[in-house]
Amino acid sequence: MSDNTKQIYNYTVILEKESDGGYHAFCPALQGCHSQGDTFEETIVNITEAMELYLESLIADHQPIPKEDLIFKPLNILI
């Protein structure tokens, strides 16, 4: 009997609007995990799929799952 228990992993994703249209997305905790899309919604679907594949690959290769270690601090710059 195999264990089909799934686990939820929570990560932050950064989305950037591209100057020529569309969006670019990446997950800082998953080095090299990037995607893109023509719309915001498509980009979310694409980066989610990319992250799932990335994590599944790590699990299959018995590699550690990265933990997110981000600190967000808004800065006010007076010029």
PDB file of N, CA and C in Angstrom:
ATOM      1  N   MET A   1       0.846  -1.186   0.000  1.00  0.00           N
ATOM      2  CA  MET A   1       0.000   0.000   0.000  1.00  0.00           C
ATOM      3  C   MET A   1       0.892   1.249   0.000  1.00  0.00           C
ATOM      4  N   SER A   2       0.672   2.145  -0.931  1.00  0.00           N
ATOM      5  CA  SER A   2       1.486   3.361  -1.001  1.00  0.00           C
ATOM      6  C   SER A   2       0.794   4.497  -0.261  1.00  0.00           C
ATOM      7  N   ASP A   3       1.599   5.413   0.226  1.00  0.00           N
ATOM      8  CA  ASP A   3       1.080   6.563   0.954  1.00  0.00           C
ATOM      9  C   ASP A   3       0.855   7.706  -0.033  1.00  0.00           C
ATOM     10  N   ASN A   4      -0.396   8.040  -0.296  1.00  0.00           N
ATOM     11  CA  ASN A   4      -0.731   9.112  -1.238  1.00  0.00           C
ATOM     12  C   ASN A   4      -1.051  10.418  -0.529  1.00  0.00           C
ATOM     13  N   THR A   5      -0.581  10.566   0.712  1.00  0.00           N
ATOM     14  CA  THR A   5      -0.832  11.779   1.462  1.00  0.00           C
ATOM     15  C   THR A   5      -0.100  12.939   0.797  1.00  0.00           C
ATOM     16  N   LYS A   6      -0.815  14.019   0.597  1.00  0.00           N
ATOM     17  CA  LYS A   6      -0.209  15.205  -0.007  1.00  0.00           C
ATOM     18  C   LYS A   6       0.046  16.235   1.077  1.00  0.00           C
ATOM     19  N   GLN A   7       1.051  17.045   0.862  1.00  0.00           N
ATOM     20  CA  GLN A   7       1.406  18.095   1.800  1.00  0.00           C
ATOM     21  C   GLN A   7       1.305  19.440   1.101  1.00  0.00           C
ATOM     22  N   ILE A   8       0.888  20.432   1.840  1.00  0.00           N
ATOM     23  CA  ILE A   8       0.807  21.793   1.302  1.00  0.00           C
ATOM     24  C   ILE A   8       2.105  22.526   1.643  1.00  0.00           C
ATOM     25  N   TYR A   9       2.701  23.137   0.634  1.00  0.00           N
ATOM     26  CA  TYR A   9       3.889  23.968   0.810  1.00  0.00           C
ATOM     27  C   TYR A   9       3.493  25.402   0.474  1.00  0.00           C
ATOM     28  N   ASN A  10       3.891  26.344   1.310  1.00  0.00           N
ATOM     29  CA  ASN A  10       3.553  27.752   1.104  1.00  0.00           C
ATOM     30  C   ASN A  10       4.805  28.538   0.735  1.00  0.00           C
ATOM     31  N   TYR A  11       4.732  29.206  -0.402  1.00  0.00           N
ATOM     32  CA  TYR A  11       5.850  30.010  -0.877  1.00  0.00           C
ATOM     33  C   TYR A  11       5.342  31.349  -1.407  1.00  0.00           C
ATOM     34  N   THR A  12       6.206  32.341  -1.357  1.00  0.00           N
ATOM     35  CA  THR A  12       5.919  33.644  -1.944  1.00  0.00           C
ATOM     36  C   THR A  12       6.354  33.639  -3.402  1.00  0.00           C
ATOM     37  N   VAL A  13       5.526  34.244  -4.234  1.00  0.00           N
ATOM     38  CA  VAL A  13       5.822  34.377  -5.660  1.00  0.00           C
ATOM     39  C   VAL A  13       5.871  35.863  -5.989  1.00  0.00           C
ATOM     40  N   ILE A  14       6.846  36.262  -6.778  1.00  0.00           N
ATOM     41  CA  ILE A  14       6.975  37.641  -7.243  1.00  0.00           C
ATOM     42  C   ILE A  14       6.519  37.685  -8.697  1.00  0.00           C
ATOM     43  N   LEU A  15       5.602  38.597  -9.000  1.00  0.00           N
ATOM     44  CA  LEU A  15       5.140  38.786 -10.376  1.00  0.00           C
ATOM     45  C   LEU A  15       5.539  40.176 -10.838  1.00  0.00           C
ATOM     46  N   GLU A  16       6.092  40.236 -12.035  1.00  0.00           N
ATOM     47  CA  GLU A  16       6.512  41.507 -12.618  1.00  0.00           C
ATOM     48  C   GLU A  16       5.818  41.684 -13.961  1.00  0.00           C
ATOM     49  N   LYS A  17       5.272  42.868 -14.168  1.00  0.00           N
ATOM     50  CA  LYS A  17       4.659  43.173 -15.456  1.00  0.00           C
ATOM     51  C   LYS A  17       5.777  43.461 -16.450  1.00  0.00           C
ATOM     52  N   GLU A  18       5.720  42.811 -17.606  1.00  0.00           N
ATOM     53  CA  GLU A  18       6.737  42.998 -18.639  1.00  0.00           C
ATOM     54  C   GLU A  18       6.411  44.227 -19.486  1.00  0.00           C
ATOM     55  N   SER A  19       7.432  44.941 -19.933  1.00  0.00           N
ATOM     56  CA  SER A  19       7.222  46.161 -20.718  1.00  0.00           C
ATOM     57  C   SER A  19       6.578  45.875 -22.069  1.00  0.00           C
ATOM     58  N   ASP A  20       6.802  44.679 -22.608  1.00  0.00           N
ATOM     59  CA  ASP A  20       6.217  44.331 -23.908  1.00  0.00           C
ATOM     60  C   ASP A  20       4.913  43.550 -23.767  1.00  0.00           C
ATOM     61  N   GLY A  21       4.351  43.523 -22.561  1.00  0.00           N
ATOM     62  CA  GLY A  21       3.097  42.814 -22.302  1.00  0.00           C
ATOM     63  C   GLY A  21       3.340  41.509 -21.577  1.00  0.00           C
ATOM     64  N   GLY A  22       2.337  41.060 -20.885  1.00  0.00           N
ATOM     65  CA  GLY A  22       2.446  39.817 -20.144  1.00  0.00           C
ATOM     66  C   GLY A  22       3.134  40.003 -18.806  1.00  0.00           C
ATOM     67  N   TYR A  23       3.393  38.889 -18.159  1.00  0.00           N
ATOM     68  CA  TYR A  23       3.973  38.891 -16.823  1.00  0.00           C
ATOM     69  C   TYR A  23       5.073  37.841 -16.716  1.00  0.00           C
ATOM     70  N   HIS A  24       6.001  38.108 -15.824  1.00  0.00           N
ATOM     71  CA  HIS A  24       7.060  37.162 -15.466  1.00  0.00           C
ATOM     72  C   HIS A  24       6.878  36.868 -13.977  1.00  0.00           C
ATOM     73  N   ALA A  25       6.997  35.598 -13.585  1.00  0.00           N
ATOM     74  CA  ALA A  25       6.852  35.221 -12.180  1.00  0.00           C
ATOM     75  C   ALA A  25       8.011  34.329 -11.769  1.00  0.00           C
ATOM     76  N   PHE A  26       8.400  34.462 -10.503  1.00  0.00           N
ATOM     77  CA  PHE A  26       9.419  33.573  -9.964  1.00  0.00           C
ATOM     78  C   PHE A  26       9.213  33.392  -8.468  1.00  0.00           C
ATOM     79  N   CYS A  27       9.767  32.306  -7.968  1.00  0.00           N
ATOM     80  CA  CYS A  27       9.699  31.986  -6.547  1.00  0.00           C
ATOM     81  C   CYS A  27      11.116  32.065  -5.986  1.00  0.00           C
ATOM     82  N   PRO A  28      11.423  33.073  -5.171  1.00  0.00           N
ATOM     83  CA  PRO A  28      12.783  33.228  -4.657  1.00  0.00           C
ATOM     84  C   PRO A  28      13.304  32.008  -3.887  1.00  0.00           C
ATOM     85  N   ALA A  29      12.439  31.303  -3.193  1.00  0.00           N
ATOM     86  CA  ALA A  29      12.869  30.150  -2.396  1.00  0.00           C
ATOM     87  C   ALA A  29      13.222  28.941  -3.256  1.00  0.00           C
ATOM     88  N   LEU A  30      12.678  28.888  -4.467  1.00  0.00           N
ATOM     89  CA  LEU A  30      12.933  27.763  -5.366  1.00  0.00           C
ATOM     90  C   LEU A  30      13.828  28.267  -6.492  1.00  0.00           C
ATOM     91  N   GLN A  31      15.112  28.265  -6.250  1.00  0.00           N
ATOM     92  CA  GLN A  31      16.089  28.862  -7.159  1.00  0.00           C
ATOM     93  C   GLN A  31      15.927  28.346  -8.585  1.00  0.00           C
ATOM     94  N   GLY A  32      15.753  29.281  -9.510  1.00  0.00           N
ATOM     95  CA  GLY A  32      15.613  28.929 -10.920  1.00  0.00           C
ATOM     96  C   GLY A  32      14.194  28.619 -11.353  1.00  0.00           C
ATOM     97  N   CYS A  33      13.237  28.709 -10.439  1.00  0.00           N
ATOM     98  CA  CYS A  33      11.841  28.405 -10.776  1.00  0.00           C
ATOM     99  C   CYS A  33      11.155  29.686 -11.253  1.00  0.00           C
ATOM    100  N   HIS A  34      10.988  29.791 -12.565  1.00  0.00           N
ATOM    101  CA  HIS A  34      10.402  30.966 -13.207  1.00  0.00           C
ATOM    102  C   HIS A  34       9.305  30.524 -14.161  1.00  0.00           C
ATOM    103  N   SER A  35       8.405  31.431 -14.484  1.00  0.00           N
ATOM    104  CA  SER A  35       7.417  31.181 -15.525  1.00  0.00           C
ATOM    105  C   SER A  35       6.934  32.523 -16.045  1.00  0.00           C
ATOM    106  N   GLN A  36       6.034  32.459 -17.014  1.00  0.00           N
ATOM    107  CA  GLN A  36       5.486  33.685 -17.600  1.00  0.00           C
ATOM    108  C   GLN A  36       4.088  33.405 -18.116  1.00  0.00           C
ATOM    109  N   GLY A  37       3.413  34.468 -18.520  1.00  0.00           N
ATOM    110  CA  GLY A  37       2.089  34.322 -19.113  1.00  0.00           C
ATOM    111  C   GLY A  37       1.650  35.629 -19.732  1.00  0.00           C
ATOM    112  N   ASP A  38       0.641  35.537 -20.578  1.00  0.00           N
ATOM    113  CA  ASP A  38       0.106  36.735 -21.229  1.00  0.00           C
ATOM    114  C   ASP A  38      -0.760  37.556 -20.286  1.00  0.00           C
ATOM    115  N   THR A  39      -1.422  36.890 -19.329  1.00  0.00           N
ATOM    116  CA  THR A  39      -2.279  37.578 -18.360  1.00  0.00           C
ATOM    117  C   THR A  39      -1.811  37.236 -16.950  1.00  0.00           C
ATOM    118  N   PHE A  40      -2.276  38.010 -15.985  1.00  0.00           N
ATOM    119  CA  PHE A  40      -1.956  37.752 -14.583  1.00  0.00           C
ATOM    120  C   PHE A  40      -2.409  36.349 -14.192  1.00  0.00           C
ATOM    121  N   GLU A  41      -3.647  36.016 -14.563  1.00  0.00           N
ATOM    122  CA  GLU A  41      -4.220  34.714 -14.209  1.00  0.00           C
ATOM    123  C   GLU A  41      -3.438  33.565 -14.840  1.00  0.00           C
ATOM    124  N   GLU A  42      -3.084  33.706 -16.116  1.00  0.00           N
ATOM    125  CA  GLU A  42      -2.313  32.670 -16.802  1.00  0.00           C
ATOM    126  C   GLU A  42      -0.941  32.496 -16.140  1.00  0.00           C
ATOM    127  N   THR A  43      -0.350  33.594 -15.730  1.00  0.00           N
ATOM    128  CA  THR A  43       0.958  33.537 -15.085  1.00  0.00           C
ATOM    129  C   THR A  43       0.875  32.804 -13.751  1.00  0.00           C
ATOM    130  N   ILE A  44      -0.191  33.034 -12.994  1.00  0.00           N
ATOM    131  CA  ILE A  44      -0.383  32.325 -11.725  1.00  0.00           C
ATOM    132  C   ILE A  44      -0.508  30.826 -11.972  1.00  0.00           C
ATOM    133  N   VAL A  45      -1.299  30.437 -12.968  1.00  0.00           N
ATOM    134  CA  VAL A  45      -1.452  29.016 -13.310  1.00  0.00           C
ATOM    135  C   VAL A  45      -0.099  28.432 -13.706  1.00  0.00           C
ATOM    136  N   ASN A  46       0.645  29.142 -14.538  1.00  0.00           N
ATOM    137  CA  ASN A  46       1.930  28.646 -15.036  1.00  0.00           C
ATOM    138  C   ASN A  46       2.979  28.517 -13.934  1.00  0.00           C
ATOM    139  N   ILE A  47       3.075  29.518 -13.044  1.00  0.00           N
ATOM    140  CA  ILE A  47       4.084  29.436 -11.985  1.00  0.00           C
ATOM    141  C   ILE A  47       3.698  28.363 -10.975  1.00  0.00           C
ATOM    142  N   THR A  48       2.414  28.178 -10.738  1.00  0.00           N
ATOM    143  CA  THR A  48       1.969  27.104  -9.841  1.00  0.00           C
ATOM    144  C   THR A  48       2.393  25.753 -10.391  1.00  0.00           C
ATOM    145  N   GLU A  49       2.178  25.542 -11.682  1.00  0.00           N
ATOM    146  CA  GLU A  49       2.579  24.287 -12.322  1.00  0.00           C
ATOM    147  C   GLU A  49       4.101  24.108 -12.260  1.00  0.00           C
ATOM    148  N   ALA A  50       4.836  25.176 -12.520  1.00  0.00           N
ATOM    149  CA  ALA A  50       6.302  25.101 -12.471  1.00  0.00           C
ATOM    150  C   ALA A  50       6.783  24.743 -11.067  1.00  0.00           C
ATOM    151  N   MET A  51       6.154  25.319 -10.053  1.00  0.00           N
ATOM    152  CA  MET A  51       6.535  25.037  -8.672  1.00  0.00           C
ATOM    153  C   MET A  51       6.195  23.597  -8.289  1.00  0.00           C
ATOM    154  N   GLU A  52       5.045  23.113  -8.730  1.00  0.00           N
ATOM    155  CA  GLU A  52       4.667  21.722  -8.461  1.00  0.00           C
ATOM    156  C   GLU A  52       5.697  20.770  -9.063  1.00  0.00           C
ATOM    157  N   LEU A  53       6.073  21.015 -10.311  1.00  0.00           N
ATOM    158  CA  LEU A  53       7.063  20.162 -10.974  1.00  0.00           C
ATOM    159  C   LEU A  53       8.422  20.243 -10.281  1.00  0.00           C
ATOM    160  N   TYR A  54       8.807  21.430  -9.879  1.00  0.00           N
ATOM    161  CA  TYR A  54      10.073  21.642  -9.178  1.00  0.00           C
ATOM    162  C   TYR A  54      10.106  20.824  -7.890  1.00  0.00           C
ATOM    163  N   LEU A  55       9.038  20.948  -7.086  1.00  0.00           N
ATOM    164  CA  LEU A  55       8.990  20.236  -5.807  1.00  0.00           C
ATOM    165  C   LEU A  55       8.895  18.727  -6.005  1.00  0.00           C
ATOM    166  N   GLU A  56       8.101  18.289  -6.983  1.00  0.00           N
ATOM    167  CA  GLU A  56       7.991  16.855  -7.270  1.00  0.00           C
ATOM    168  C   GLU A  56       9.348  16.276  -7.666  1.00  0.00           C
ATOM    169  N   SER A  57      10.125  17.043  -8.410  1.00  0.00           N
ATOM    170  CA  SER A  57      11.456  16.604  -8.820  1.00  0.00           C
ATOM    171  C   SER A  57      12.381  16.461  -7.612  1.00  0.00           C
ATOM    172  N   LEU A  58      12.324  17.431  -6.699  1.00  0.00           N
ATOM    173  CA  LEU A  58      13.142  17.343  -5.487  1.00  0.00           C
ATOM    174  C   LEU A  58      12.773  16.110  -4.667  1.00  0.00           C
ATOM    175  N   ILE A  59      11.473  15.878  -4.507  1.00  0.00           N
ATOM    176  CA  ILE A  59      11.003  14.727  -3.732  1.00  0.00           C
ATOM    177  C   ILE A  59      11.453  13.426  -4.390  1.00  0.00           C
ATOM    178  N   ALA A  60      11.300  13.332  -5.704  1.00  0.00           N
ATOM    179  CA  ALA A  60      11.691  12.113  -6.433  1.00  0.00           C
ATOM    180  C   ALA A  60      13.184  11.838  -6.298  1.00  0.00           C
ATOM    181  N   ASP A  61      13.982  12.907  -6.218  1.00  0.00           N
ATOM    182  CA  ASP A  61      15.436  12.765  -6.094  1.00  0.00           C
ATOM    183  C   ASP A  61      15.902  12.732  -4.635  1.00  0.00           C
ATOM    184  N   HIS A  62      14.947  12.670  -3.699  1.00  0.00           N
ATOM    185  CA  HIS A  62      15.243  12.624  -2.258  1.00  0.00           C
ATOM    186  C   HIS A  62      16.091  13.815  -1.810  1.00  0.00           C
ATOM    187  N   GLN A  63      15.780  14.976  -2.372  1.00  0.00           N
ATOM    188  CA  GLN A  63      16.463  16.217  -2.019  1.00  0.00           C
ATOM    189  C   GLN A  63      15.627  16.970  -0.984  1.00  0.00           C
ATOM    190  N   PRO A  64      16.259  17.799  -0.166  1.00  0.00           N
ATOM    191  CA  PRO A  64      15.495  18.569   0.822  1.00  0.00           C
ATOM    192  C   PRO A  64      14.596  19.606   0.146  1.00  0.00           C
ATOM    193  N   ILE A  65      13.457  19.847   0.754  1.00  0.00           N
ATOM    194  CA  ILE A  65      12.525  20.867   0.272  1.00  0.00           C
ATOM    195  C   ILE A  65      12.952  22.204   0.886  1.00  0.00           C
ATOM    196  N   PRO A  66      13.225  23.214   0.055  1.00  0.00           N
ATOM    197  CA  PRO A  66      13.656  24.511   0.591  1.00  0.00           C
ATOM    198  C   PRO A  66      12.583  25.161   1.463  1.00  0.00           C
ATOM    199  N   LYS A  67      13.046  25.803   2.506  1.00  0.00           N
ATOM    200  CA  LYS A  67      12.154  26.591   3.354  1.00  0.00           C
ATOM    201  C   LYS A  67      12.271  28.046   2.907  1.00  0.00           C
ATOM    202  N   GLU A  68      11.168  28.739   2.986  1.00  0.00           N
ATOM    203  CA  GLU A  68      11.177  30.148   2.600  1.00  0.00           C
ATOM    204  C   GLU A  68      11.785  30.977   3.723  1.00  0.00           C
ATOM    205  N   ASP A  69      12.657  31.891   3.366  1.00  0.00           N
ATOM    206  CA  ASP A  69      13.335  32.735   4.345  1.00  0.00           C
ATOM    207  C   ASP A  69      13.399  34.162   3.810  1.00  0.00           C
ATOM    208  N   LEU A  70      12.233  34.760   3.624  1.00  0.00           N
ATOM    209  CA  LEU A  70      12.165  36.115   3.078  1.00  0.00           C
ATOM    210  C   LEU A  70      11.786  37.110   4.163  1.00  0.00           C
ATOM    211  N   ILE A  71      12.328  38.289   4.053  1.00  0.00           N
ATOM    212  CA  ILE A  71      11.939  39.393   4.919  1.00  0.00           C
ATOM    213  C   ILE A  71      11.513  40.537   4.008  1.00  0.00           C
ATOM    214  N   PHE A  72      10.300  41.029   4.215  1.00  0.00           N
ATOM    215  CA  PHE A  72       9.795  42.152   3.428  1.00  0.00           C
ATOM    216  C   PHE A  72       9.811  43.400   4.296  1.00  0.00           C
ATOM    217  N   LYS A  73      10.392  44.448   3.765  1.00  0.00           N
ATOM    218  CA  LYS A  73      10.452  45.710   4.475  1.00  0.00           C
ATOM    219  C   LYS A  73      10.277  46.838   3.478  1.00  0.00           C
ATOM    220  N   PRO A  74       9.110  47.494   3.493  1.00  0.00           N
ATOM    221  CA  PRO A  74       8.933  48.656   2.616  1.00  0.00           C
ATOM    222  C   PRO A  74       9.871  49.791   3.059  1.00  0.00           C
ATOM    223  N   LEU A  75      10.458  50.456   2.094  1.00  0.00           N
ATOM    224  CA  LEU A  75      11.348  51.571   2.388  1.00  0.00           C
ATOM    225  C   LEU A  75      10.827  52.831   1.717  1.00  0.00           C
ATOM    226  N   ASN A  76      10.920  53.942   2.424  1.00  0.00           N
ATOM    227  CA  ASN A  76      10.583  55.242   1.858  1.00  0.00           C
ATOM    228  C   ASN A  76      11.887  55.937   1.503  1.00  0.00           C
ATOM    229  N   ILE A  77      12.037  56.284   0.242  1.00  0.00           N
ATOM    230  CA  ILE A  77      13.256  56.936  -0.226  1.00  0.00           C
ATOM    231  C   ILE A  77      12.926  58.385  -0.570  1.00  0.00           C
ATOM    232  N   LEU A  78      13.547  59.311   0.115  1.00  0.00           N
ATOM    233  CA  LEU A  78      13.327  60.732  -0.121  1.00  0.00           C
ATOM    234  C   LEU A  78      14.472  61.262  -0.963  1.00  0.00           C
ATOM    235  N   ILE A  79      14.132  61.828  -2.113  1.00  0.00           N
ATOM    236  CA  ILE A  79      15.155  62.375  -3.009  1.00  0.00           C
ATOM    237  C   ILE A  79      14.861  63.842  -3.247  1.00  0.00           C
TER     238      ILE A  79
END
